[in-house]
Amino acid sequence: MWDVIDLSRWQFALTALYHFLFVPLTLGLIFLLAIMETIYVVTGKTIYRDMTRFWGKLFGINFALGVATGLTMEFQFGTNWSFYSNYVGDIFGAPLAMEALMAFFLESTFVGLFFFGWQRLNKYQHLLVTWLVAFGSNLSALWILNANGWMQYPTGAHFDIDTLRMEMTSFSELVFNPVSQVKFVHTVMAGYVTGAMFIMAISAWYLLRGRERDVALRSFAIGSVFGTLAIIGTLQLGDSSAYEVAQVQP
């Protein structure tokens, strides 16, 4: 018979799983959008602008779903794991707060300009906006994985016998946690692979049906080159991550 803890674990696990369907695609897709728009600004070929706007619509849907599922997951820290949140809140809450105040506000502010600024900003300003959204998305992953890495390898903290809680002793040790760093680069690189495969799959669908061939061919080419490089990076960084885990979590 399952108890409350088992049900809480299942609920949180399913929420996290559903949320992470959208996270890697967001990380990879926005970076590819920035590359496409950069090519448009450099070459002046409007087809790359059209590509950016087309894939941008799919990014917008994914971004909205990622935000909705992410907020649900954060609420469950309090509803499902309130004792844990109280026990490590001073440490675990710091990167989550930084993610909200820095990364989430950054990408949420500029994602509106990305969608509604095509006719209001010049192409250089809009390109800057796109890169800021990409930077914000990756910065968000950094802070979240700092929190996750600390859960795996708690550094920069000690147990306070008076308060019966974990207290932070060094913010820099929290930020530069070795497990967090390898998790971040590996996860982000895997997100780039996901974004590339997403673009390649949809482009292939268009090519098979003989529709929008120019857009599909160029999108497939960018996705294949970017995806190949990302796969190589993911393999290398995954190997490094395993060595790091073996050292600090034997």
C-alpha atoms as a PDB file:
ATOM      1  CA  MET A   1       0.000   0.000   0.000  1.00  0.00           C
ATOM      2  CA  TRP A   2       1.427   3.357  -0.965  1.00  0.00           C
ATOM      3  CA  ASP A   3       1.740   6.053   1.666  1.00  0.00           C
ATOM      4  CA  VAL A   4       1.804   9.847   1.305  1.00  0.00           C
ATOM      5  CA  ILE A   5       5.567   9.911   0.703  1.00  0.00           C
ATOM      6  CA  ASP A   6       5.336   7.426  -2.159  1.00  0.00           C
ATOM      7  CA  LEU A   7       2.514   9.375  -3.767  1.00  0.00           C
ATOM      8  CA  SER A   8       4.447  12.639  -3.327  1.00  0.00           C
ATOM      9  CA  ARG A   9       7.474  11.103  -5.009  1.00  0.00           C
ATOM     10  CA  TRP A  10       5.418   9.851  -7.937  1.00  0.00           C
ATOM     11  CA  GLN A  11       3.659  13.168  -8.367  1.00  0.00           C
ATOM     12  CA  PHE A  12       6.878  15.164  -8.267  1.00  0.00           C
ATOM     13  CA  ALA A  13       8.665  12.696 -10.557  1.00  0.00           C
ATOM     14  CA  LEU A  14       5.911  12.903 -13.174  1.00  0.00           C
ATOM     15  CA  THR A  15       5.827  16.701 -12.930  1.00  0.00           C
ATOM     16  CA  ALA A  16       9.607  16.927 -13.359  1.00  0.00           C
ATOM     17  CA  LEU A  17       9.525  14.449 -16.243  1.00  0.00           C
ATOM     18  CA  TYR A  18       6.787  16.379 -18.045  1.00  0.00           C
ATOM     19  CA  HIS A  19       8.604  19.687 -17.458  1.00  0.00           C
ATOM     20  CA  PHE A  20      11.837  18.320 -18.859  1.00  0.00           C
ATOM     21  CA  LEU A  21      10.169  17.430 -22.133  1.00  0.00           C
ATOM     22  CA  PHE A  22      10.226  21.156 -22.907  1.00  0.00           C
ATOM     23  CA  VAL A  23      13.424  22.371 -21.225  1.00  0.00           C
ATOM     24  CA  PRO A  24      16.059  20.850 -23.557  1.00  0.00           C
ATOM     25  CA  LEU A  25      14.065  21.829 -26.633  1.00  0.00           C
ATOM     26  CA  THR A  26      13.900  25.427 -25.384  1.00  0.00           C
ATOM     27  CA  LEU A  27      17.664  25.507 -24.808  1.00  0.00           C
ATOM     28  CA  GLY A  28      18.499  24.166 -28.249  1.00  0.00           C
ATOM     29  CA  LEU A  29      15.816  25.818 -30.339  1.00  0.00           C
ATOM     30  CA  ILE A  30      16.446  29.389 -29.175  1.00  0.00           C
ATOM     31  CA  PHE A  31      20.170  29.036 -29.856  1.00  0.00           C
ATOM     32  CA  LEU A  32      19.437  27.850 -33.386  1.00  0.00           C
ATOM     33  CA  LEU A  33      17.023  30.757 -33.860  1.00  0.00           C
ATOM     34  CA  ALA A  34      19.809  33.138 -32.865  1.00  0.00           C
ATOM     35  CA  ILE A  35      22.135  31.520 -35.410  1.00  0.00           C
ATOM     36  CA  MET A  36      19.534  31.763 -38.189  1.00  0.00           C
ATOM     37  CA  GLU A  37      18.827  35.401 -37.440  1.00  0.00           C
ATOM     38  CA  THR A  38      22.550  36.158 -37.323  1.00  0.00           C
ATOM     39  CA  ILE A  39      22.901  34.705 -40.823  1.00  0.00           C
ATOM     40  CA  TYR A  40      19.993  36.904 -41.937  1.00  0.00           C
ATOM     41  CA  VAL A  41      21.600  40.058 -40.521  1.00  0.00           C
ATOM     42  CA  VAL A  42      25.019  39.224 -41.996  1.00  0.00           C
ATOM     43  CA  THR A  43      23.855  38.123 -45.459  1.00  0.00           C
ATOM     44  CA  GLY A  44      20.671  40.165 -45.815  1.00  0.00           C
ATOM     45  CA  LYS A  45      18.824  37.129 -47.234  1.00  0.00           C
ATOM     46  CA  THR A  46      15.224  37.379 -46.078  1.00  0.00           C
ATOM     47  CA  ILE A  47      14.717  33.621 -46.218  1.00  0.00           C
ATOM     48  CA  TYR A  48      16.699  33.318 -42.973  1.00  0.00           C
ATOM     49  CA  ARG A  49      14.397  35.881 -41.364  1.00  0.00           C
ATOM     50  CA  ASP A  50      11.416  33.812 -42.492  1.00  0.00           C
ATOM     51  CA  MET A  51      13.055  30.697 -41.052  1.00  0.00           C
ATOM     52  CA  THR A  52      13.606  32.437 -37.728  1.00  0.00           C
ATOM     53  CA  ARG A  53       9.980  33.535 -37.554  1.00  0.00           C
ATOM     54  CA  PHE A  54       8.659  30.090 -38.494  1.00  0.00           C
ATOM     55  CA  TRP A  55      10.722  28.187 -35.938  1.00  0.00           C
ATOM     56  CA  GLY A  56      10.102  30.994 -33.465  1.00  0.00           C
ATOM     57  CA  LYS A  57       6.395  30.126 -33.392  1.00  0.00           C
ATOM     58  CA  LEU A  58       7.209  26.568 -32.343  1.00  0.00           C
ATOM     59  CA  PHE A  59       9.661  27.900 -29.775  1.00  0.00           C
ATOM     60  CA  GLY A  60       6.913  30.124 -28.341  1.00  0.00           C
ATOM     61  CA  ILE A  61       4.543  27.188 -27.823  1.00  0.00           C
ATOM     62  CA  ASN A  62       7.298  25.173 -26.172  1.00  0.00           C
ATOM     63  CA  PHE A  63       8.383  28.120 -24.012  1.00  0.00           C
ATOM     64  CA  ALA A  64       4.842  28.643 -22.689  1.00  0.00           C
ATOM     65  CA  LEU A  65       4.453  24.964 -21.794  1.00  0.00           C
ATOM     66  CA  GLY A  66       7.871  24.947 -20.127  1.00  0.00           C
ATOM     67  CA  VAL A  67       6.968  27.931 -17.947  1.00  0.00           C
ATOM     68  CA  ALA A  68       3.621  26.414 -16.932  1.00  0.00           C
ATOM     69  CA  THR A  69       5.104  23.046 -15.957  1.00  0.00           C
ATOM     70  CA  GLY A  70       8.109  24.676 -14.274  1.00  0.00           C
ATOM     71  CA  LEU A  71       5.948  26.833 -12.009  1.00  0.00           C
ATOM     72  CA  THR A  72       3.927  23.762 -11.052  1.00  0.00           C
ATOM     73  CA  MET A  73       7.106  21.930 -10.111  1.00  0.00           C
ATOM     74  CA  GLU A  74       8.377  24.811  -7.967  1.00  0.00           C
ATOM     75  CA  PHE A  75       5.102  24.917  -6.041  1.00  0.00           C
ATOM     76  CA  GLN A  76       5.531  21.231  -5.274  1.00  0.00           C
ATOM     77  CA  PHE A  77       8.693  21.978  -3.311  1.00  0.00           C
ATOM     78  CA  GLY A  78       6.374  23.556  -0.774  1.00  0.00           C
ATOM     79  CA  THR A  79       3.356  21.284  -1.098  1.00  0.00           C
ATOM     80  CA  ASN A  80       5.187  17.931  -1.282  1.00  0.00           C
ATOM     81  CA  TRP A  81       8.534  18.630   0.381  1.00  0.00           C
ATOM     82  CA  SER A  82       7.894  21.444   2.856  1.00  0.00           C
ATOM     83  CA  PHE A  83      10.170  19.966   5.549  1.00  0.00           C
ATOM     84  CA  TYR A  84      13.033  19.634   3.090  1.00  0.00           C
ATOM     85  CA  SER A  85      12.432  23.183   1.862  1.00  0.00           C
ATOM     86  CA  ASN A  86      12.675  24.433   5.440  1.00  0.00           C
ATOM     87  CA  TYR A  87      15.735  22.290   6.184  1.00  0.00           C
ATOM     88  CA  VAL A  88      17.846  23.479   3.213  1.00  0.00           C
ATOM     89  CA  GLY A  89      15.913  26.590   2.184  1.00  0.00           C
ATOM     90  CA  ASP A  90      18.754  29.037   2.895  1.00  0.00           C
ATOM     91  CA  ILE A  91      20.976  27.192   0.418  1.00  0.00           C
ATOM     92  CA  PHE A  92      18.639  25.504  -2.026  1.00  0.00           C
ATOM     93  CA  GLY A  93      16.477  28.597  -2.329  1.00  0.00           C
ATOM     94  CA  ALA A  94      19.378  30.890  -3.293  1.00  0.00           C
ATOM     95  CA  PRO A  95      19.985  29.560  -6.836  1.00  0.00           C
ATOM     96  CA  LEU A  96      16.235  29.228  -7.413  1.00  0.00           C
ATOM     97  CA  ALA A  97      15.765  32.873  -6.445  1.00  0.00           C
ATOM     98  CA  MET A  98      18.686  33.926  -8.656  1.00  0.00           C
ATOM     99  CA  GLU A  99      17.165  31.997 -11.544  1.00  0.00           C
ATOM    100  CA  ALA A 100      13.851  33.802 -11.129  1.00  0.00           C
ATOM    101  CA  LEU A 101      15.293  37.285 -10.596  1.00  0.00           C
ATOM    102  CA  MET A 102      17.999  37.125 -13.258  1.00  0.00           C
ATOM    103  CA  ALA A 103      17.392  34.495 -15.918  1.00  0.00           C
ATOM    104  CA  PHE A 104      13.615  34.094 -15.966  1.00  0.00           C
ATOM    105  CA  PHE A 105      12.939  37.833 -15.889  1.00  0.00           C
ATOM    106  CA  LEU A 106      15.527  38.354 -18.633  1.00  0.00           C
ATOM    107  CA  GLU A 107      14.131  35.783 -21.040  1.00  0.00           C
ATOM    108  CA  SER A 108      10.492  36.574 -20.199  1.00  0.00           C
ATOM    109  CA  THR A 109      11.023  40.275 -20.881  1.00  0.00           C
ATOM    110  CA  PHE A 110      12.831  39.849 -24.167  1.00  0.00           C
ATOM    111  CA  VAL A 111      10.756  36.945 -25.473  1.00  0.00           C
ATOM    112  CA  GLY A 112       7.916  39.438 -25.911  1.00  0.00           C
ATOM    113  CA  LEU A 113      10.181  41.726 -27.914  1.00  0.00           C
ATOM    114  CA  PHE A 114      11.261  38.725 -29.968  1.00  0.00           C
ATOM    115  CA  PHE A 115       7.694  38.006 -31.087  1.00  0.00           C
ATOM    116  CA  PHE A 116       6.275  41.519 -31.317  1.00  0.00           C
ATOM    117  CA  GLY A 117       9.371  43.492 -32.261  1.00  0.00           C
ATOM    118  CA  TRP A 118       9.854  42.432 -35.880  1.00  0.00           C
ATOM    119  CA  GLN A 119       8.128  45.573 -37.187  1.00  0.00           C
ATOM    120  CA  ARG A 120       9.204  47.850 -34.321  1.00  0.00           C
ATOM    121  CA  LEU A 121      12.934  47.158 -34.002  1.00  0.00           C
ATOM    122  CA  ASN A 122      15.624  47.321 -36.657  1.00  0.00           C
ATOM    123  CA  LYS A 123      17.326  44.066 -37.538  1.00  0.00           C
ATOM    124  CA  TYR A 124      20.352  44.679 -35.294  1.00  0.00           C
ATOM    125  CA  GLN A 125      18.198  45.456 -32.274  1.00  0.00           C
ATOM    126  CA  HIS A 126      16.046  42.400 -32.881  1.00  0.00           C
ATOM    127  CA  LEU A 127      19.125  40.212 -33.241  1.00  0.00           C
ATOM    128  CA  LEU A 128      20.352  41.469 -29.863  1.00  0.00           C
ATOM    129  CA  VAL A 129      16.957  40.612 -28.366  1.00  0.00           C
ATOM    130  CA  THR A 130      17.138  37.068 -29.750  1.00  0.00           C
ATOM    131  CA  TRP A 131      20.610  36.498 -28.321  1.00  0.00           C
ATOM    132  CA  LEU A 132      19.469  37.863 -24.946  1.00  0.00           C
ATOM    133  CA  VAL A 133      16.619  35.354 -24.888  1.00  0.00           C
ATOM    134  CA  ALA A 134      19.128  32.595 -25.697  1.00  0.00           C
ATOM    135  CA  PHE A 135      21.474  33.839 -22.976  1.00  0.00           C
ATOM    136  CA  GLY A 136      18.616  34.012 -20.468  1.00  0.00           C
ATOM    137  CA  SER A 137      17.504  30.464 -21.221  1.00  0.00           C
ATOM    138  CA  ASN A 138      21.001  29.092 -20.694  1.00  0.00           C
ATOM    139  CA  LEU A 139      21.501  31.205 -17.570  1.00  0.00           C
ATOM    140  CA  SER A 140      18.279  29.754 -16.199  1.00  0.00           C
ATOM    141  CA  ALA A 141      19.670  26.250 -16.687  1.00  0.00           C
ATOM    142  CA  LEU A 142      22.862  27.246 -14.864  1.00  0.00           C
ATOM    143  CA  TRP A 143      21.072  28.295 -11.662  1.00  0.00           C
ATOM    144  CA  ILE A 144      18.671  25.350 -11.672  1.00  0.00           C
ATOM    145  CA  LEU A 145      21.526  22.895 -12.129  1.00  0.00           C
ATOM    146  CA  ASN A 146      23.450  24.642  -9.365  1.00  0.00           C
ATOM    147  CA  ALA A 147      20.586  23.724  -7.054  1.00  0.00           C
ATOM    148  CA  ASN A 148      20.445  20.184  -8.419  1.00  0.00           C
ATOM    149  CA  GLY A 149      24.214  19.757  -8.212  1.00  0.00           C
ATOM    150  CA  TRP A 150      24.212  20.862  -4.576  1.00  0.00           C
ATOM    151  CA  MET A 151      21.644  18.160  -3.805  1.00  0.00           C
ATOM    152  CA  GLN A 152      24.047  15.581  -5.252  1.00  0.00           C
ATOM    153  CA  TYR A 153      27.231  17.023  -3.724  1.00  0.00           C
ATOM    154  CA  PRO A 154      26.509  19.596  -0.969  1.00  0.00           C
ATOM    155  CA  THR A 155      29.341  22.128  -0.730  1.00  0.00           C
ATOM    156  CA  GLY A 156      29.577  25.527   0.938  1.00  0.00           C
ATOM    157  CA  ALA A 157      27.214  24.592   3.772  1.00  0.00           C
ATOM    158  CA  HIS A 158      27.146  23.122   7.265  1.00  0.00           C
ATOM    159  CA  PHE A 159      24.557  21.786   9.690  1.00  0.00           C
ATOM    160  CA  ASP A 160      23.622  24.288  12.412  1.00  0.00           C
ATOM    161  CA  ILE A 161      22.934  22.413  15.638  1.00  0.00           C
ATOM    162  CA  ASP A 162      21.004  25.352  17.092  1.00  0.00           C
ATOM    163  CA  THR A 163      18.513  25.807  14.250  1.00  0.00           C
ATOM    164  CA  LEU A 164      18.607  22.170  13.082  1.00  0.00           C
ATOM    165  CA  ARG A 165      18.949  23.426   9.525  1.00  0.00           C
ATOM    166  CA  MET A 166      21.602  23.536   6.836  1.00  0.00           C
ATOM    167  CA  GLU A 167      23.237  26.973   6.637  1.00  0.00           C
ATOM    168  CA  MET A 168      25.287  28.436   3.783  1.00  0.00           C
ATOM    169  CA  THR A 169      28.961  29.082   4.501  1.00  0.00           C
ATOM    170  CA  SER A 170      30.217  30.000   1.018  1.00  0.00           C
ATOM    171  CA  PHE A 171      28.145  31.190  -1.924  1.00  0.00           C
ATOM    172  CA  SER A 172      31.112  30.783  -4.283  1.00  0.00           C
ATOM    173  CA  GLU A 173      31.443  27.099  -3.344  1.00  0.00           C
ATOM    174  CA  LEU A 174      27.756  26.665  -4.095  1.00  0.00           C
ATOM    175  CA  VAL A 175      28.086  28.331  -7.506  1.00  0.00           C
ATOM    176  CA  PHE A 176      31.309  26.563  -8.493  1.00  0.00           C
ATOM    177  CA  ASN A 177      30.270  23.148  -7.234  1.00  0.00           C
ATOM    178  CA  PRO A 178      32.130  20.703  -9.533  1.00  0.00           C
ATOM    179  CA  VAL A 179      29.073  18.496  -9.984  1.00  0.00           C
ATOM    180  CA  SER A 180      26.937  21.503 -10.926  1.00  0.00           C
ATOM    181  CA  GLN A 181      29.417  22.654 -13.548  1.00  0.00           C
ATOM    182  CA  VAL A 182      29.636  19.341 -15.391  1.00  0.00           C
ATOM    183  CA  LYS A 183      25.872  18.875 -15.126  1.00  0.00           C
ATOM    184  CA  PHE A 184      25.308  22.301 -16.658  1.00  0.00           C
ATOM    185  CA  VAL A 185      27.525  21.929 -19.720  1.00  0.00           C
ATOM    186  CA  HIS A 186      26.354  18.367 -20.354  1.00  0.00           C
ATOM    187  CA  THR A 187      22.646  19.228 -20.012  1.00  0.00           C
ATOM    188  CA  VAL A 188      22.888  22.342 -22.164  1.00  0.00           C
ATOM    189  CA  MET A 189      24.792  20.499 -24.873  1.00  0.00           C
ATOM    190  CA  ALA A 190      22.171  17.733 -24.839  1.00  0.00           C
ATOM    191  CA  GLY A 191      19.549  20.464 -25.223  1.00  0.00           C
ATOM    192  CA  TYR A 192      21.356  21.686 -28.328  1.00  0.00           C
ATOM    193  CA  VAL A 193      21.152  18.155 -29.732  1.00  0.00           C
ATOM    194  CA  THR A 194      17.415  18.073 -28.994  1.00  0.00           C
ATOM    195  CA  GLY A 195      16.813  21.395 -30.734  1.00  0.00           C
ATOM    196  CA  ALA A 196      18.797  20.305 -33.784  1.00  0.00           C
ATOM    197  CA  MET A 197      16.964  16.968 -34.054  1.00  0.00           C
ATOM    198  CA  PHE A 198      13.617  18.768 -33.711  1.00  0.00           C
ATOM    199  CA  ILE A 199      14.410  21.091 -36.613  1.00  0.00           C
ATOM    200  CA  MET A 200      15.825  18.286 -38.745  1.00  0.00           C
ATOM    201  CA  ALA A 201      12.780  16.060 -38.175  1.00  0.00           C
ATOM    202  CA  ILE A 202      10.235  18.715 -39.144  1.00  0.00           C
ATOM    203  CA  SER A 203      12.385  19.857 -42.085  1.00  0.00           C
ATOM    204  CA  ALA A 204      12.576  16.263 -43.322  1.00  0.00           C
ATOM    205  CA  TRP A 205       8.773  16.026 -43.089  1.00  0.00           C
ATOM    206  CA  TYR A 206       8.432  19.110 -45.305  1.00  0.00           C
ATOM    207  CA  LEU A 207      11.010  17.787 -47.774  1.00  0.00           C
ATOM    208  CA  LEU A 208       9.261  14.424 -48.091  1.00  0.00           C
ATOM    209  CA  ARG A 209       6.054  16.242 -48.990  1.00  0.00           C
ATOM    210  CA  GLY A 210       7.761  18.698 -51.322  1.00  0.00           C
ATOM    211  CA  ARG A 211       6.628  21.762 -49.355  1.00  0.00           C
ATOM    212  CA  GLU A 212       8.694  24.859 -48.502  1.00  0.00           C
ATOM    213  CA  ARG A 213      11.801  23.195 -49.917  1.00  0.00           C
ATOM    214  CA  ASP A 214      14.124  26.201 -49.591  1.00  0.00           C
ATOM    215  CA  VAL A 215      13.269  26.778 -45.936  1.00  0.00           C
ATOM    216  CA  ALA A 216      13.360  23.061 -45.149  1.00  0.00           C
ATOM    217  CA  LEU A 217      16.705  22.451 -46.894  1.00  0.00           C
ATOM    218  CA  ARG A 218      18.443  25.372 -45.211  1.00  0.00           C
ATOM    219  CA  SER A 219      16.945  24.507 -41.836  1.00  0.00           C
ATOM    220  CA  PHE A 220      18.012  20.878 -42.211  1.00  0.00           C
ATOM    221  CA  ALA A 221      21.543  21.934 -43.158  1.00  0.00           C
ATOM    222  CA  ILE A 222      21.906  24.245 -40.143  1.00  0.00           C
ATOM    223  CA  GLY A 223      20.391  21.644 -37.825  1.00  0.00           C
ATOM    224  CA  SER A 224      22.623  18.836 -39.094  1.00  0.00           C
ATOM    225  CA  VAL A 225      25.873  20.794 -38.701  1.00  0.00           C
ATOM    226  CA  PHE A 226      24.895  22.200 -35.325  1.00  0.00           C
ATOM    227  CA  GLY A 227      23.541  18.836 -34.163  1.00  0.00           C
ATOM    228  CA  THR A 228      26.684  16.944 -35.172  1.00  0.00           C
ATOM    229  CA  LEU A 229      28.894  19.331 -33.207  1.00  0.00           C
ATOM    230  CA  ALA A 230      26.518  19.157 -30.242  1.00  0.00           C
ATOM    231  CA  ILE A 231      26.509  15.343 -30.262  1.00  0.00           C
ATOM    232  CA  ILE A 232      30.317  15.273 -30.171  1.00  0.00           C
ATOM    233  CA  GLY A 233      30.274  17.742 -27.292  1.00  0.00           C
ATOM    234  CA  THR A 234      27.591  15.792 -25.428  1.00  0.00           C
ATOM    235  CA  LEU A 235      29.584  12.558 -25.632  1.00  0.00           C
ATOM    236  CA  GLN A 236      32.753  14.224 -24.375  1.00  0.00           C
ATOM    237  CA  LEU A 237      31.028  16.142 -21.592  1.00  0.00           C
ATOM    238  CA  GLY A 238      29.000  13.106 -20.539  1.00  0.00           C
ATOM    239  CA  ASP A 239      32.239  11.175 -20.128  1.00  0.00           C
ATOM    240  CA  SER A 240      33.715  14.016 -18.057  1.00  0.00           C
ATOM    241  CA  SER A 241      30.561  14.100 -15.947  1.00  0.00           C
ATOM    242  CA  ALA A 242      30.907  10.402 -15.161  1.00  0.00           C
ATOM    243  CA  TYR A 243      34.507  10.887 -14.002  1.00  0.00           C
ATOM    244  CA  GLU A 244      33.424  13.783 -11.769  1.00  0.00           C
ATOM    245  CA  VAL A 245      30.666  11.706 -10.206  1.00  0.00           C
ATOM    246  CA  ALA A 246      33.135   8.874  -9.582  1.00  0.00           C
ATOM    247  CA  GLN A 247      35.450  11.272  -7.740  1.00  0.00           C
ATOM    248  CA  VAL A 248      32.954  13.056  -5.498  1.00  0.00           C
ATOM    249  CA  GLN A 249      30.225  10.412  -5.164  1.00  0.00           C
ATOM    250  CA  PRO A 250      32.081   7.075  -5.099  1.00  0.00           C
END
